[in-house]
Structures are given as structure tokens and as C-alpha cells.
Amino acid sequence: MLGLLPALVAGIYLYACPYTKVEESFNLQAMHDLLFHHLNINKYDHLEFPGVVPRTFIGPVLISSLAHPFIALSQLLGCDKFVAQIIVRVCLASVVLICFHQFASTVRNVFGKGVYHWFIFITCSHFHFLFYSTRPLPNTFALAIVLLAVRYWILQDSVRFIRYSAAVIIIFRSELCILLGIMLLMDLASRRVTVLRVLQTAIPAGLFALALTSVIDTYFWRRPLWPEGEVLWYNIVLNKSSNWGTMPFAWYFYSAIPRAMLSSVVLVPIGAALDRRVRTLLLPSMLFVLVYSLLPHKELRFIVYVVPVLNLAAARACSAIYEKRSVSVKHLLACLVVLGHLILNTMLSSDLLYVSSMNYPGGEAMEKLHQLEPKTEHVNVHVDVYTAQTGVSRFSQLHDNWIYNKTEGLQAGSWQMQQFTHLLIAASNRNSEQLLPYATTHSVQAIISGYKGIRIDRHRFPFIFIEAESKIFLLKKETVVSVVTSNAYSS
């Protein structure tokens, strides 16, 4: 039953945050198109909005195949299309959690039941790992395979380790050659595997993975393509990932890892000091983070693969402390501290979940539009860039007789914008510059709020609270236009 706890927590995260953001757009839209447009590729979203770099269709094909019978059943039951988005995310989480279960089973067999129990509890007390398990990011697809690869590395099954490593590097995330390559070098140095054995396994596995992604993605992208090769060129050779923001060299160590680990981070060095096997696992993980820190663009999801290893180190420390709880009062107090840290983690994760639930105003705006307008109404809605990036997907386009338009670059108030019956526009208040061109032609139907920041006020309790602000305005064009002042949007 303990093994089901991660699924329960991931389910809570999915329920609280059913929408997705721009980073997940390609995989989510691809799964929609595979499920609803099948092989009619001319209707696929990626041909109209290809993104900065191409991504592989292999992950979406696999998850869509798993989700298809459940989605067919949901449609027979009369469920709307957004339910299909939940189903594909459940299927993705199921794949990740099955792989996680395999990794956790290895932890139990190698480190014992005590460490296994703490490993599960610590993982469930954290936020980011299980939160990402339901999100259709390229990193999430890769995470499932990395868990299996590291599992076989722990078990010293070099053949399977190399095969899974080749697949995940060539198909999903090329930068994983750092993490998994270091592990392979450690095997070669310790003579667990010979160079000949590596070549005999890696070459066929690599060629198969390359052929698979090239054939499938060339078909869907309609040009000769190895997606991860283009991503590698863009990020490493051209170093254009920095266009999306940069962070200091040590950011992963002082920001990303502490946020992913919460209070468990202080237990990691204790676990490393107690067990040589933990140190062996931590070495390639920390070297990976160190080397990957050379790239200026950084996000926590880029290093999510090392979180299970860090959790294992913390679990090893907790298990050792818990086992000695009856030795003395000091050991009992230490035991209470490690038990209490799970409660603290859970409280912090709840706060992070609440903040995250406020980061999808676009999805909430689209849902509000469907609530306000009947299906039979003629609706031609324009979705601006911010709205599209914060929760809108093809799964949220529920009615076939409505027109959903995401054309970029249209001038505010232009005749093109006046053709739409509804507008979803990012703005901070009614007097915003973005809304003024529509003051005499449109009425505000709804205002969707989102996360603004964390504020500290010593004169109220709790003195730390989360602030929200207006993010998106839903406008409807008036059938009969009346003459009003330019202050029509004033509060």
C-alpha cells in the first residue's frame, strides 16, 4: 500500500493544477492531434506553431496509445474534451510512477526496507518531483527512462543500463549524456564493464534509437529530422538557450536543489557520510549538475533526474537515525526531528501547490468563457500570447462550432481584432493600455486573477501571505455599440 502513496500525491497535484503552460505545449498539443486528428497531419498544431526547436513525437505517440481507449470511453459517457487532457496526463504520470516504483524496489532490495520506507515518505513530502510527473515536459518523458537506467546501474546490469541510456539521450534529452556518461565512465574505471562490451551494446542501441526517432519525426515534421540533434546544436553550439533568461553559475546548488529538497536537503550529506553506496550514487549526480551549470539558462526541471538520488541519500540518514531512537534521549530527539521534517516538507509543499494553482490564468479564462456562453452561441474568440501560454490548449477548445484564434502580432483595436466576438487579453487592471482600444466596443465579462507574489505584513496574521492580481480580461463585443467615455473601464 505504501507504493500507492506517490500516485495519490501526484493525483492531488493534478487535480489542483489541471492546466499546463507553454513549456508543455508541444507534447500536449501533439497528443491532442494524435488522438483527434489521427494521421491528418495538416491539422496538427506544430505545423502552425513549430516552436523554437523541434521535439520528438515518440513520447506523445506512446502516451496517446495508452490513453486512447480511456478517452474513447469518456466520449461514450458524454465527457467533454478537457477530460481527455486529464486522461493523457494520468497516463503519463502512470508511466513515470511505474518506473519510479521499479527504482524504489531496487532501493528496498539494496538498502533495506527501512531506507525504502523513508525514501517513499520523503519523496511524497516534496513538491516538484511528483508535480512534474504529470506534466508533459520533455524532461518528464526522459525522467521515466532515467529512473530505469539508474536502477540497472545500481544493479550492475550494464547492458540494460547502456540501452536505456542510449534511448533517453538520443530521443529525449541529449544533455543526459553527462549524467549517464559519467556513470558509464565509473563502470569502465572499476572494470564492471569492458570497452568492447560497451561498444557491442551502445552502437546497436544508439543506431536503433537514432533510426526510430529519425523515421517517426521526419514523418510528422515533414522534413528530414533528428529533433534532439537540433536541440543540441541550438543549446550547446549556438548557446541560444540564454535567450530565455540566465542564472548565476551556482543557481542549481543554492536555489533549485534546496527548493526541490526542502528541509530534507540538510540530511543529504549525512546520508552520504554514512554509506559509501550513497556517495557512489551522488558523485555522478552532483558532477552532472556542476557541468550542466555551465549553461547560463537554468530551470529546476533540467536537473529533476538527480532528485531521486538526493532523496535516497536523505532517506539513508533518516533510516539510520530512526533505528537508533531507543539508544538515548538524544537519539530520540533526533528521531523526532526527522519525523518533524516530513511535516514541515508537507506544509511547504502545500504552499507551493497553492502558488502553482494560481499560475494558470489562461486555462481558467478559457473555462470561464465556456461557462458564460452556451454551446450554440456563435463565438469567435481571440486568445493572446500570455493567455495561450498559461493554460490554453487544444484540449480546452471544447466546441467544434466555435472559432479559437491564436494569431500573434495583431494590433490592438485593429479591424482584425474587431472581427472577434470575444477577446482574452492580458492586463493588470481595467485602465490598462491593452484594454483602452476596446472601451467603446466591448464589455468586461470576467476578470481572471493569478499569482502576484509573497508579501510580509507584520501587522496581520499570518504575517506571510500570497498576493493575487488581475491577469486576464475576458471581453465580449457589444451587439449594439453605444457612445461611452474613454473611462468605460475605470473601476
Foldseek 3Di string as FASTA:
>chain_A
DLLCLLVVLLVVLCVLAVFAFPLQFPLLQLLVCCQPVNQPLVPGPCVVVVPPFHAFCPVSVVLSVVQNVVVVVCVVVVHFLSVSSSSSLSSQLVLQSVLVVLLLVLCCVPVHPQLSSLLSLLLSLFADLSSCSSGNHLLNVLLSLLSVLVSCLLVLVVLSNLLSQLQSCQRGNVLCCQLSVVSVVVCCVVVSDDPVRSCVRNPVSNVVNQVVRQVRVCSSVVHRDRRNVRVCCVCPVVVCLCVVPFDALCCCPPPLVCNRNPPLQVQLVVLVVVDVSLVVLVVSLVSSSNVVSVRGDDDSSVSSSCSSSSSSSSSSSLSVLCVCLPVDVVSVVVNVVSVVVSVVSNVVSVVVSVQSSQQQLLQVVLVVVPVVDDLPDEFEEEEEDSSCRRGDHPSSVGHPNYHYHDDPDDDQLDPVVVVGQKYKDFDQALLGPSNLSCLQFKDWPDWGKGWDAWAAQPVDPPRIDTDITTTITMIGTDPDGDDDDSCSRPD
